Amino acid sequence: MTWFLIGLCGFLAVHSIRIVAPGWREARIAAMGAGAWKGVYALLSIATFGLMIWGYGQARSSPVLVWVPPMPLRHAGALLVLVALVSLVATYVPRNAIKARLQHPMLAATAIWAAAHLLMSGWLHAMLLAGAFLVWALFAFVSARRRGRIELQTRVGMTVLAIVIGLALTVAFALHLHGALVGVVPFPR
């Protein structure tokens, strides 16, 4: 659990620099150059993410059950994951109304995903992961919204495309990818 927590805290700390120390961040970019800053940021992100994933695997090998979520919460969580994946896809589909409305759909997706997983899992390591990401995503979302709105032109077809791809990704994850990548099958057959 120790390595998981170090990786988790490190990953979220790196991704919180713009939230808690924007002036320091800008000074580093000015001193190092944008390319070098992005390189250091990427290396720290990859290293802490890797440590978090490895530590999470270690924590899963000796799990601590905090509570057993009732089935209705699992169903609600599954629905929230669908909303999160549609929001995530909206991050990358240009000119869609979801991105125009949320402004920061990836942060919204992260918060929704984390809330869903808090509803669905009672294992301590999963609750720590989801809880930390939920708190971080909410702070990051509020911080990003304070930086100002960007007006985006939208097209109905692009919004529909984001929703369709998000639904397809949800089905693929629920039925195949989650089990293969995470080792937990959300809907056992």
N, C-alpha and C. Protein backbone atom coordinates (compact mmCIF):
# COMPACT_ATOMS: atom_id res chain seq x y z
N MET A 1 0.83 -1.20 0.00
CA MET A 1 0.00 0.00 0.00
C MET A 1 0.87 1.26 0.00
N THR A 2 2.06 1.18 0.60
CA THR A 2 2.92 2.36 0.70
C THR A 2 3.31 2.88 -0.67
N TRP A 3 3.76 1.99 -1.56
CA TRP A 3 4.19 2.43 -2.89
C TRP A 3 3.03 2.97 -3.70
N PHE A 4 1.86 2.38 -3.53
CA PHE A 4 0.66 2.88 -4.19
C PHE A 4 0.37 4.30 -3.75
N LEU A 5 0.42 4.55 -2.44
CA LEU A 5 0.12 5.89 -1.94
C LEU A 5 1.17 6.91 -2.36
N ILE A 6 2.44 6.49 -2.40
CA ILE A 6 3.50 7.40 -2.86
C ILE A 6 3.27 7.75 -4.34
N GLY A 7 2.98 6.74 -5.15
CA GLY A 7 2.72 6.98 -6.57
C GLY A 7 1.49 7.84 -6.78
N LEU A 8 0.42 7.55 -6.05
CA LEU A 8 -0.83 8.31 -6.17
C LEU A 8 -0.61 9.77 -5.78
N CYS A 9 0.01 9.99 -4.64
CA CYS A 9 0.26 11.37 -4.19
C CYS A 9 1.20 12.10 -5.14
N GLY A 10 2.22 11.40 -5.62
CA GLY A 10 3.15 12.02 -6.57
C GLY A 10 2.47 12.38 -7.88
N PHE A 11 1.66 11.48 -8.41
CA PHE A 11 0.96 11.72 -9.67
C PHE A 11 0.02 12.92 -9.54
N LEU A 12 -0.75 12.94 -8.46
CA LEU A 12 -1.69 14.05 -8.28
C LEU A 12 -0.97 15.35 -7.96
N ALA A 13 0.17 15.27 -7.27
CA ALA A 13 0.95 16.48 -6.99
C ALA A 13 1.47 17.09 -8.29
N VAL A 14 2.02 16.26 -9.17
CA VAL A 14 2.52 16.76 -10.45
C VAL A 14 1.38 17.43 -11.22
N HIS A 15 0.21 16.81 -11.19
CA HIS A 15 -0.93 17.34 -11.94
C HIS A 15 -1.66 18.47 -11.21
N SER A 16 -1.17 18.83 -10.03
CA SER A 16 -1.77 19.93 -9.28
C SER A 16 -0.95 21.21 -9.34
N ILE A 17 0.20 21.15 -9.98
CA ILE A 17 1.08 22.33 -10.00
C ILE A 17 0.36 23.54 -10.58
N ARG A 18 -0.37 23.35 -11.66
CA ARG A 18 -1.07 24.48 -12.28
C ARG A 18 -2.17 25.02 -11.37
N ILE A 19 -2.71 24.17 -10.50
CA ILE A 19 -3.78 24.59 -9.59
C ILE A 19 -3.22 25.36 -8.40
N VAL A 20 -2.17 24.83 -7.77
CA VAL A 20 -1.69 25.40 -6.51
C VAL A 20 -0.50 26.35 -6.67
N ALA A 21 0.22 26.25 -7.78
CA ALA A 21 1.40 27.10 -7.95
C ALA A 21 1.55 27.57 -9.40
N PRO A 22 0.55 28.28 -9.92
CA PRO A 22 0.62 28.68 -11.32
C PRO A 22 1.79 29.63 -11.61
N GLY A 23 2.10 30.50 -10.67
CA GLY A 23 3.21 31.43 -10.86
C GLY A 23 4.54 30.69 -10.92
N TRP A 24 4.73 29.74 -10.01
CA TRP A 24 5.95 28.92 -10.01
C TRP A 24 6.07 28.16 -11.32
N ARG A 25 4.94 27.60 -11.79
CA ARG A 25 4.93 26.85 -13.04
C ARG A 25 5.37 27.74 -14.21
N GLU A 26 4.80 28.92 -14.28
CA GLU A 26 5.15 29.86 -15.37
C GLU A 26 6.61 30.27 -15.29
N ALA A 27 7.12 30.46 -14.08
CA ALA A 27 8.54 30.81 -13.92
C ALA A 27 9.44 29.67 -14.38
N ARG A 28 9.06 28.43 -14.09
CA ARG A 28 9.85 27.27 -14.55
C ARG A 28 9.82 27.17 -16.07
N ILE A 29 8.65 27.39 -16.66
CA ILE A 29 8.54 27.33 -18.11
C ILE A 29 9.41 28.41 -18.75
N ALA A 30 9.39 29.61 -18.17
CA ALA A 30 10.21 30.70 -18.69
C ALA A 30 11.70 30.39 -18.55
N ALA A 31 12.09 29.78 -17.43
CA ALA A 31 13.50 29.48 -17.19
C ALA A 31 13.99 28.30 -18.02
N MET A 32 13.16 27.26 -18.14
CA MET A 32 13.58 26.02 -18.81
C MET A 32 13.25 26.00 -20.30
N GLY A 33 12.21 26.72 -20.65
CA GLY A 33 11.66 26.60 -21.99
C GLY A 33 10.49 25.62 -21.97
N ALA A 34 9.55 25.83 -22.85
CA ALA A 34 8.33 25.01 -22.85
C ALA A 34 8.63 23.54 -23.12
N GLY A 35 9.54 23.27 -24.04
CA GLY A 35 9.86 21.88 -24.37
C GLY A 35 10.48 21.12 -23.21
N ALA A 36 11.42 21.74 -22.54
CA ALA A 36 12.07 21.08 -21.40
C ALA A 36 11.06 20.88 -20.26
N TRP A 37 10.22 21.89 -20.02
CA TRP A 37 9.19 21.76 -18.99
C TRP A 37 8.28 20.57 -19.30
N LYS A 38 7.82 20.49 -20.54
CA LYS A 38 6.94 19.39 -20.93
C LYS A 38 7.65 18.04 -20.77
N GLY A 39 8.93 18.00 -21.07
CA GLY A 39 9.69 16.77 -20.92
C GLY A 39 9.78 16.33 -19.46
N VAL A 40 10.13 17.25 -18.57
CA VAL A 40 10.23 16.94 -17.15
C VAL A 40 8.85 16.55 -16.61
N TYR A 41 7.83 17.29 -17.00
CA TYR A 41 6.46 17.02 -16.56
C TYR A 41 6.03 15.63 -17.02
N ALA A 42 6.33 15.29 -18.27
CA ALA A 42 5.96 13.97 -18.80
C ALA A 42 6.70 12.86 -18.08
N LEU A 43 8.00 13.04 -17.84
CA LEU A 43 8.77 12.02 -17.13
C LEU A 43 8.27 11.80 -15.71
N LEU A 44 7.99 12.89 -15.00
CA LEU A 44 7.46 12.76 -13.64
C LEU A 44 6.08 12.11 -13.65
N SER A 45 5.26 12.48 -14.63
CA SER A 45 3.92 11.89 -14.75
C SER A 45 4.01 10.39 -15.01
N ILE A 46 4.84 10.00 -15.93
CA ILE A 46 4.98 8.58 -16.27
C ILE A 46 5.55 7.80 -15.09
N ALA A 47 6.57 8.35 -14.44
CA ALA A 47 7.19 7.65 -13.30
C ALA A 47 6.20 7.47 -12.15
N THR A 48 5.49 8.53 -11.80
CA THR A 48 4.56 8.43 -10.67
C THR A 48 3.34 7.58 -11.05
N PHE A 49 2.91 7.65 -12.30
CA PHE A 49 1.80 6.81 -12.75
C PHE A 49 2.19 5.34 -12.70
N GLY A 50 3.38 5.03 -13.17
CA GLY A 50 3.88 3.66 -13.12
C GLY A 50 3.97 3.15 -11.69
N LEU A 51 4.48 3.98 -10.80
CA LEU A 51 4.58 3.61 -9.39
C LEU A 51 3.20 3.40 -8.79
N MET A 52 2.26 4.27 -9.14
CA MET A 52 0.90 4.14 -8.65
C MET A 52 0.26 2.83 -9.12
N ILE A 53 0.42 2.50 -10.40
CA ILE A 53 -0.16 1.27 -10.95
C ILE A 53 0.50 0.05 -10.31
N TRP A 54 1.81 0.05 -10.20
CA TRP A 54 2.52 -1.07 -9.59
C TRP A 54 2.09 -1.22 -8.13
N GLY A 55 2.05 -0.11 -7.40
CA GLY A 55 1.64 -0.14 -6.00
C GLY A 55 0.20 -0.58 -5.83
N TYR A 56 -0.65 -0.19 -6.77
CA TYR A 56 -2.06 -0.60 -6.73
C TYR A 56 -2.15 -2.12 -6.88
N GLY A 57 -1.36 -2.67 -7.78
CA GLY A 57 -1.32 -4.12 -7.94
C GLY A 57 -0.85 -4.80 -6.66
N GLN A 58 0.12 -4.22 -6.00
CA GLN A 58 0.60 -4.77 -4.72
C GLN A 58 -0.50 -4.70 -3.66
N ALA A 59 -1.22 -3.57 -3.63
CA ALA A 59 -2.29 -3.40 -2.64
C ALA A 59 -3.42 -4.39 -2.91
N ARG A 60 -3.67 -4.70 -4.16
CA ARG A 60 -4.73 -5.66 -4.51
C ARG A 60 -4.37 -7.07 -4.05
N SER A 61 -3.08 -7.35 -3.88
CA SER A 61 -2.68 -8.70 -3.47
C SER A 61 -2.99 -8.97 -2.00
N SER A 62 -3.19 -7.93 -1.20
CA SER A 62 -3.64 -8.11 0.19
C SER A 62 -4.72 -7.05 0.47
N PRO A 63 -5.89 -7.27 -0.10
CA PRO A 63 -6.95 -6.26 -0.01
C PRO A 63 -7.59 -6.16 1.37
N VAL A 64 -8.13 -4.99 1.64
CA VAL A 64 -8.87 -4.74 2.87
C VAL A 64 -10.28 -4.31 2.46
N LEU A 65 -11.27 -5.09 2.87
CA LEU A 65 -12.65 -4.78 2.54
C LEU A 65 -13.22 -3.83 3.59
N VAL A 66 -13.68 -2.66 3.13
CA VAL A 66 -14.26 -1.67 4.03
C VAL A 66 -15.77 -1.85 4.12
N TRP A 67 -16.40 -2.10 2.98
CA TRP A 67 -17.84 -2.31 2.95
C TRP A 67 -18.23 -3.01 1.66
N VAL A 68 -19.43 -3.56 1.64
CA VAL A 68 -19.94 -4.23 0.45
C VAL A 68 -21.06 -3.36 -0.12
N PRO A 69 -20.80 -2.72 -1.26
CA PRO A 69 -21.82 -1.84 -1.83
C PRO A 69 -23.07 -2.64 -2.24
N PRO A 70 -24.25 -2.12 -1.93
CA PRO A 70 -25.46 -2.81 -2.38
C PRO A 70 -25.60 -2.73 -3.90
N MET A 71 -26.30 -3.69 -4.46
CA MET A 71 -26.44 -3.79 -5.92
C MET A 71 -26.96 -2.50 -6.57
N PRO A 72 -27.94 -1.79 -5.99
CA PRO A 72 -28.39 -0.56 -6.64
C PRO A 72 -27.27 0.48 -6.83
N LEU A 73 -26.33 0.53 -5.88
CA LEU A 73 -25.21 1.47 -6.04
C LEU A 73 -24.29 1.02 -7.17
N ARG A 74 -24.15 -0.27 -7.35
CA ARG A 74 -23.33 -0.77 -8.46
C ARG A 74 -23.95 -0.40 -9.79
N HIS A 75 -25.28 -0.50 -9.87
CA HIS A 75 -25.97 -0.12 -11.10
C HIS A 75 -25.85 1.39 -11.36
N ALA A 76 -26.00 2.17 -10.30
CA ALA A 76 -25.84 3.63 -10.44
C ALA A 76 -24.42 3.97 -10.87
N GLY A 77 -23.45 3.27 -10.30
CA GLY A 77 -22.05 3.48 -10.68
C GLY A 77 -21.80 3.15 -12.14
N ALA A 78 -22.40 2.06 -12.61
CA ALA A 78 -22.24 1.68 -14.02
C ALA A 78 -22.81 2.76 -14.93
N LEU A 79 -23.93 3.33 -14.56
CA LEU A 79 -24.52 4.41 -15.36
C LEU A 79 -23.62 5.64 -15.35
N LEU A 80 -23.04 5.94 -14.20
CA LEU A 80 -22.12 7.07 -14.13
C LEU A 80 -20.86 6.84 -14.98
N VAL A 81 -20.39 5.61 -15.03
CA VAL A 81 -19.23 5.32 -15.88
C VAL A 81 -19.56 5.61 -17.34
N LEU A 82 -20.77 5.28 -17.76
CA LEU A 82 -21.20 5.59 -19.13
C LEU A 82 -21.12 7.10 -19.37
N VAL A 83 -21.64 7.88 -18.44
CA VAL A 83 -21.59 9.34 -18.56
C VAL A 83 -20.13 9.81 -18.59
N ALA A 84 -19.30 9.22 -17.75
CA ALA A 84 -17.88 9.61 -17.70
C ALA A 84 -17.19 9.32 -19.03
N LEU A 85 -17.46 8.16 -19.63
CA LEU A 85 -16.79 7.82 -20.88
C LEU A 85 -17.29 8.68 -22.05
N VAL A 86 -18.56 9.04 -22.04
CA VAL A 86 -19.06 9.97 -23.06
C VAL A 86 -18.36 11.32 -22.89
N SER A 87 -18.22 11.77 -21.66
CA SER A 87 -17.53 13.04 -21.40
C SER A 87 -16.06 12.96 -21.80
N LEU A 88 -15.42 11.83 -21.53
CA LEU A 88 -14.03 11.65 -21.93
C LEU A 88 -13.88 11.72 -23.45
N VAL A 89 -14.74 11.04 -24.16
CA VAL A 89 -14.70 11.07 -25.62
C VAL A 89 -14.94 12.49 -26.13
N ALA A 90 -15.83 13.22 -25.47
CA ALA A 90 -16.13 14.60 -25.88
C ALA A 90 -14.91 15.50 -25.81
N THR A 91 -13.92 15.11 -25.01
CA THR A 91 -12.67 15.87 -24.93
C THR A 91 -11.99 15.93 -26.29
N TYR A 92 -12.11 14.85 -27.05
CA TYR A 92 -11.34 14.70 -28.29
C TYR A 92 -12.14 14.90 -29.57
N VAL A 93 -13.46 14.93 -29.48
CA VAL A 93 -14.28 15.15 -30.67
C VAL A 93 -14.49 16.65 -30.82
N PRO A 94 -14.06 17.23 -31.93
CA PRO A 94 -14.17 18.68 -32.08
C PRO A 94 -15.62 19.14 -32.24
N ARG A 95 -15.86 20.36 -31.83
CA ARG A 95 -17.13 21.07 -32.04
C ARG A 95 -18.35 20.32 -31.52
N ASN A 96 -18.23 19.69 -30.35
CA ASN A 96 -19.41 19.04 -29.78
C ASN A 96 -19.94 19.88 -28.61
N ALA A 97 -21.23 19.78 -28.39
CA ALA A 97 -21.90 20.61 -27.38
C ALA A 97 -21.50 20.22 -25.95
N ILE A 98 -21.10 18.98 -25.74
CA ILE A 98 -20.69 18.55 -24.40
C ILE A 98 -19.44 19.31 -23.99
N LYS A 99 -18.47 19.38 -24.90
CA LYS A 99 -17.24 20.11 -24.60
C LYS A 99 -17.52 21.60 -24.45
N ALA A 100 -18.39 22.14 -25.28
CA ALA A 100 -18.73 23.55 -25.20
C ALA A 100 -19.36 23.89 -23.85
N ARG A 101 -20.19 23.00 -23.36
CA ARG A 101 -20.89 23.24 -22.10
C ARG A 101 -19.96 23.04 -20.89
N LEU A 102 -19.25 21.93 -20.87
CA LEU A 102 -18.40 21.61 -19.72
C LEU A 102 -17.09 22.39 -19.72
N GLN A 103 -16.59 22.72 -20.92
CA GLN A 103 -15.30 23.38 -21.10
C GLN A 103 -14.12 22.46 -20.81
N HIS A 104 -14.23 21.64 -19.81
CA HIS A 104 -13.15 20.74 -19.40
C HIS A 104 -13.72 19.34 -19.19
N PRO A 105 -14.16 18.70 -20.28
CA PRO A 105 -14.84 17.40 -20.13
C PRO A 105 -13.96 16.29 -19.58
N MET A 106 -12.64 16.36 -19.76
CA MET A 106 -11.80 15.30 -19.20
C MET A 106 -11.79 15.37 -17.67
N LEU A 107 -11.75 16.57 -17.13
CA LEU A 107 -11.80 16.71 -15.67
C LEU A 107 -13.16 16.27 -15.13
N ALA A 108 -14.22 16.63 -15.85
CA ALA A 108 -15.55 16.18 -15.45
C ALA A 108 -15.63 14.65 -15.52
N ALA A 109 -15.07 14.08 -16.58
CA ALA A 109 -15.07 12.62 -16.73
C ALA A 109 -14.32 11.96 -15.59
N THR A 110 -13.21 12.52 -15.19
CA THR A 110 -12.43 11.96 -14.08
C THR A 110 -13.22 11.99 -12.78
N ALA A 111 -13.88 13.11 -12.51
CA ALA A 111 -14.69 13.22 -11.28
C ALA A 111 -15.85 12.24 -11.29
N ILE A 112 -16.52 12.12 -12.43
CA ILE A 112 -17.66 11.21 -12.54
C ILE A 112 -17.20 9.76 -12.42
N TRP A 113 -16.09 9.42 -13.09
CA TRP A 113 -15.53 8.08 -13.01
C TRP A 113 -15.19 7.73 -11.55
N ALA A 114 -14.56 8.68 -10.86
CA ALA A 114 -14.15 8.45 -9.47
C ALA A 114 -15.37 8.27 -8.57
N ALA A 115 -16.38 9.11 -8.73
CA ALA A 115 -17.60 8.97 -7.92
C ALA A 115 -18.26 7.62 -8.18
N ALA A 116 -18.28 7.20 -9.44
CA ALA A 116 -18.87 5.91 -9.79
C ALA A 116 -18.14 4.78 -9.09
N HIS A 117 -16.82 4.84 -9.10
CA HIS A 117 -16.05 3.77 -8.48
C HIS A 117 -16.14 3.78 -6.96
N LEU A 118 -16.38 4.93 -6.37
CA LEU A 118 -16.63 4.97 -4.92
C LEU A 118 -17.94 4.26 -4.59
N LEU A 119 -18.91 4.38 -5.48
CA LEU A 119 -20.20 3.70 -5.28
C LEU A 119 -20.10 2.19 -5.48
N MET A 120 -19.21 1.76 -6.37
CA MET A 120 -19.18 0.36 -6.79
C MET A 120 -18.20 -0.52 -6.03
N SER A 121 -17.21 0.06 -5.40
CA SER A 121 -16.18 -0.77 -4.77
C SER A 121 -16.01 -0.43 -3.30
N GLY A 122 -15.92 -1.45 -2.51
CA GLY A 122 -15.71 -1.26 -1.08
C GLY A 122 -14.31 -1.63 -0.62
N TRP A 123 -13.40 -1.91 -1.58
CA TRP A 123 -12.02 -2.25 -1.22
C TRP A 123 -11.25 -0.97 -0.91
N LEU A 124 -10.45 -1.00 0.14
CA LEU A 124 -9.73 0.18 0.59
C LEU A 124 -8.86 0.78 -0.51
N HIS A 125 -8.08 -0.03 -1.21
CA HIS A 125 -7.20 0.51 -2.24
C HIS A 125 -8.00 1.19 -3.36
N ALA A 126 -9.14 0.62 -3.74
CA ALA A 126 -9.97 1.22 -4.78
C ALA A 126 -10.62 2.51 -4.28
N MET A 127 -11.03 2.52 -3.02
CA MET A 127 -11.64 3.72 -2.46
C MET A 127 -10.63 4.86 -2.33
N LEU A 128 -9.38 4.52 -1.96
CA LEU A 128 -8.34 5.55 -1.89
C LEU A 128 -8.05 6.14 -3.26
N LEU A 129 -7.95 5.27 -4.28
CA LEU A 129 -7.70 5.73 -5.64
C LEU A 129 -8.84 6.63 -6.12
N ALA A 130 -10.07 6.14 -6.02
CA ALA A 130 -11.21 6.91 -6.51
C ALA A 130 -11.42 8.18 -5.70
N GLY A 131 -11.29 8.09 -4.39
CA GLY A 131 -11.49 9.27 -3.55
C GLY A 131 -10.47 10.36 -3.83
N ALA A 132 -9.22 9.97 -3.98
CA ALA A 132 -8.17 10.96 -4.27
C ALA A 132 -8.40 11.61 -5.63
N PHE A 133 -8.74 10.80 -6.64
CA PHE A 133 -9.00 11.36 -7.96
C PHE A 133 -10.25 12.24 -7.97
N LEU A 134 -11.25 11.89 -7.19
CA LEU A 134 -12.47 12.71 -7.12
C LEU A 134 -12.14 14.09 -6.55
N VAL A 135 -11.45 14.11 -5.43
CA VAL A 135 -11.10 15.40 -4.82
C VAL A 135 -10.23 16.22 -5.77
N TRP A 136 -9.20 15.58 -6.35
CA TRP A 136 -8.32 16.30 -7.27
C TRP A 136 -9.10 16.84 -8.47
N ALA A 137 -9.95 16.01 -9.07
CA ALA A 137 -10.68 16.41 -10.28
C ALA A 137 -11.62 17.57 -9.99
N LEU A 138 -12.26 17.56 -8.84
CA LEU A 138 -13.16 18.67 -8.50
C LEU A 138 -12.38 19.98 -8.33
N PHE A 139 -11.24 19.92 -7.63
CA PHE A 139 -10.42 21.12 -7.49
C PHE A 139 -9.89 21.59 -8.85
N ALA A 140 -9.44 20.65 -9.66
CA ALA A 140 -8.90 21.00 -10.97
C ALA A 140 -9.98 21.58 -11.87
N PHE A 141 -11.18 21.03 -11.81
CA PHE A 141 -12.29 21.52 -12.62
C PHE A 141 -12.64 22.96 -12.24
N VAL A 142 -12.77 23.21 -10.94
CA VAL A 142 -13.09 24.57 -10.48
C VAL A 142 -11.97 25.54 -10.88
N SER A 143 -10.73 25.12 -10.70
CA SER A 143 -9.60 25.96 -11.06
C SER A 143 -9.58 26.27 -12.56
N ALA A 144 -9.83 25.26 -13.37
CA ALA A 144 -9.83 25.46 -14.82
C ALA A 144 -10.97 26.37 -15.25
N ARG A 145 -12.12 26.22 -14.63
CA ARG A 145 -13.27 27.08 -14.99
C ARG A 145 -13.00 28.54 -14.62
N ARG A 146 -12.23 28.76 -13.56
CA ARG A 146 -11.91 30.14 -13.14
C ARG A 146 -10.98 30.83 -14.13
N ARG A 147 -10.25 30.05 -14.90
CA ARG A 147 -9.34 30.65 -15.88
C ARG A 147 -10.08 31.26 -17.05
N GLY A 148 -11.37 31.01 -17.14
CA GLY A 148 -12.18 31.64 -18.18
C GLY A 148 -12.80 30.63 -19.13
N ARG A 149 -13.83 31.09 -19.81
CA ARG A 149 -14.56 30.26 -20.77
C ARG A 149 -14.04 30.51 -22.17
N ILE A 150 -14.09 29.46 -22.96
CA ILE A 150 -13.77 29.57 -24.38
C ILE A 150 -15.05 29.25 -25.13
N GLU A 151 -15.48 30.17 -25.97
CA GLU A 151 -16.69 29.94 -26.76
C GLU A 151 -16.35 29.01 -27.91
N LEU A 152 -17.09 27.93 -28.02
CA LEU A 152 -16.86 26.94 -29.07
C LEU A 152 -18.08 26.83 -29.96
N GLN A 153 -17.82 26.77 -31.25
CA GLN A 153 -18.89 26.50 -32.20
C GLN A 153 -19.20 25.02 -32.15
N THR A 154 -20.48 24.67 -32.16
CA THR A 154 -20.84 23.26 -32.06
C THR A 154 -21.64 22.81 -33.27
N ARG A 155 -21.61 21.50 -33.47
CA ARG A 155 -22.41 20.87 -34.52
C ARG A 155 -23.11 19.66 -33.89
N VAL A 156 -24.38 19.52 -34.20
CA VAL A 156 -25.17 18.43 -33.63
C VAL A 156 -24.54 17.08 -33.98
N GLY A 157 -24.09 16.93 -35.21
CA GLY A 157 -23.50 15.67 -35.65
C GLY A 157 -22.28 15.29 -34.83
N MET A 158 -21.48 16.27 -34.45
CA MET A 158 -20.28 16.00 -33.65
C MET A 158 -20.66 15.60 -32.21
N THR A 159 -21.72 16.20 -31.70
CA THR A 159 -22.20 15.82 -30.38
C THR A 159 -22.72 14.39 -30.40
N VAL A 160 -23.49 14.06 -31.43
CA VAL A 160 -24.01 12.70 -31.57
C VAL A 160 -22.84 11.72 -31.71
N LEU A 161 -21.83 12.09 -32.47
CA LEU A 161 -20.66 11.23 -32.65
C LEU A 161 -19.97 10.97 -31.31
N ALA A 162 -19.81 12.01 -30.49
CA ALA A 162 -19.18 11.84 -29.17
C ALA A 162 -19.99 10.88 -28.30
N ILE A 163 -21.30 11.00 -28.35
CA ILE A 163 -22.17 10.13 -27.56
C ILE A 163 -22.09 8.69 -28.05
N VAL A 164 -22.14 8.49 -29.36
CA VAL A 164 -22.09 7.13 -29.92
C VAL A 164 -20.76 6.45 -29.61
N ILE A 165 -19.67 7.17 -29.79
CA ILE A 165 -18.35 6.60 -29.49
C ILE A 165 -18.25 6.30 -27.99
N GLY A 166 -18.74 7.21 -27.15
CA GLY A 166 -18.73 6.99 -25.71
C GLY A 166 -19.53 5.77 -25.30
N LEU A 167 -20.69 5.58 -25.91
CA LEU A 167 -21.50 4.39 -25.64
C LEU A 167 -20.77 3.12 -26.08
N ALA A 168 -20.18 3.16 -27.27
CA ALA A 168 -19.45 1.99 -27.77
C ALA A 168 -18.25 1.67 -26.87
N LEU A 169 -17.55 2.69 -26.42
CA LEU A 169 -16.42 2.50 -25.52
C LEU A 169 -16.88 1.90 -24.19
N THR A 170 -18.02 2.36 -23.70
CA THR A 170 -18.58 1.83 -22.46
C THR A 170 -18.88 0.34 -22.59
N VAL A 171 -19.52 -0.04 -23.69
CA VAL A 171 -19.84 -1.45 -23.91
C VAL A 171 -18.55 -2.27 -24.02
N ALA A 172 -17.59 -1.77 -24.79
CA ALA A 172 -16.32 -2.49 -24.96
C ALA A 172 -15.60 -2.65 -23.63
N PHE A 173 -15.59 -1.59 -22.82
CA PHE A 173 -14.93 -1.67 -21.52
C PHE A 173 -15.66 -2.62 -20.59
N ALA A 174 -16.97 -2.49 -20.52
CA ALA A 174 -17.74 -3.31 -19.59
C ALA A 174 -17.65 -4.79 -19.92
N LEU A 175 -17.68 -5.12 -21.20
CA LEU A 175 -17.73 -6.52 -21.59
C LEU A 175 -16.36 -7.16 -21.82
N HIS A 176 -15.35 -6.36 -22.15
CA HIS A 176 -14.06 -6.95 -22.52
C HIS A 176 -12.85 -6.28 -21.88
N LEU A 177 -12.70 -4.99 -22.11
CA LEU A 177 -11.45 -4.31 -21.77
C LEU A 177 -11.18 -4.20 -20.27
N HIS A 178 -12.20 -3.94 -19.46
CA HIS A 178 -11.99 -3.75 -18.03
C HIS A 178 -11.40 -5.02 -17.42
N GLY A 179 -11.95 -6.16 -17.78
CA GLY A 179 -11.43 -7.43 -17.28
C GLY A 179 -10.01 -7.69 -17.74
N ALA A 180 -9.75 -7.41 -19.02
CA ALA A 180 -8.42 -7.67 -19.57
C ALA A 180 -7.36 -6.71 -19.02
N LEU A 181 -7.71 -5.45 -18.87
CA LEU A 181 -6.73 -4.44 -18.45
C LEU A 181 -6.62 -4.30 -16.93
N VAL A 182 -7.75 -4.40 -16.24
CA VAL A 182 -7.77 -4.14 -14.80
C VAL A 182 -7.82 -5.44 -13.99
N GLY A 183 -8.36 -6.48 -14.60
CA GLY A 183 -8.47 -7.75 -13.89
C GLY A 183 -9.76 -7.91 -13.12
N VAL A 184 -10.68 -6.98 -13.29
CA VAL A 184 -11.98 -7.05 -12.65
C VAL A 184 -13.03 -7.02 -13.75
N VAL A 185 -13.90 -8.02 -13.75
CA VAL A 185 -14.96 -8.10 -14.76
C VAL A 185 -16.21 -7.48 -14.17
N PRO A 186 -16.64 -6.31 -14.70
CA PRO A 186 -17.78 -5.61 -14.12
C PRO A 186 -19.10 -6.39 -14.23
N PHE A 187 -19.27 -7.08 -15.33
CA PHE A 187 -20.51 -7.83 -15.55
C PHE A 187 -20.16 -9.28 -15.89
N PRO A 188 -19.93 -10.10 -14.85
CA PRO A 188 -19.56 -11.49 -15.11
C PRO A 188 -20.67 -12.21 -15.86
N ARG A 189 -20.25 -13.09 -16.75
CA ARG A 189 -21.25 -13.82 -17.54
C ARG A 189 -21.60 -15.13 -16.89
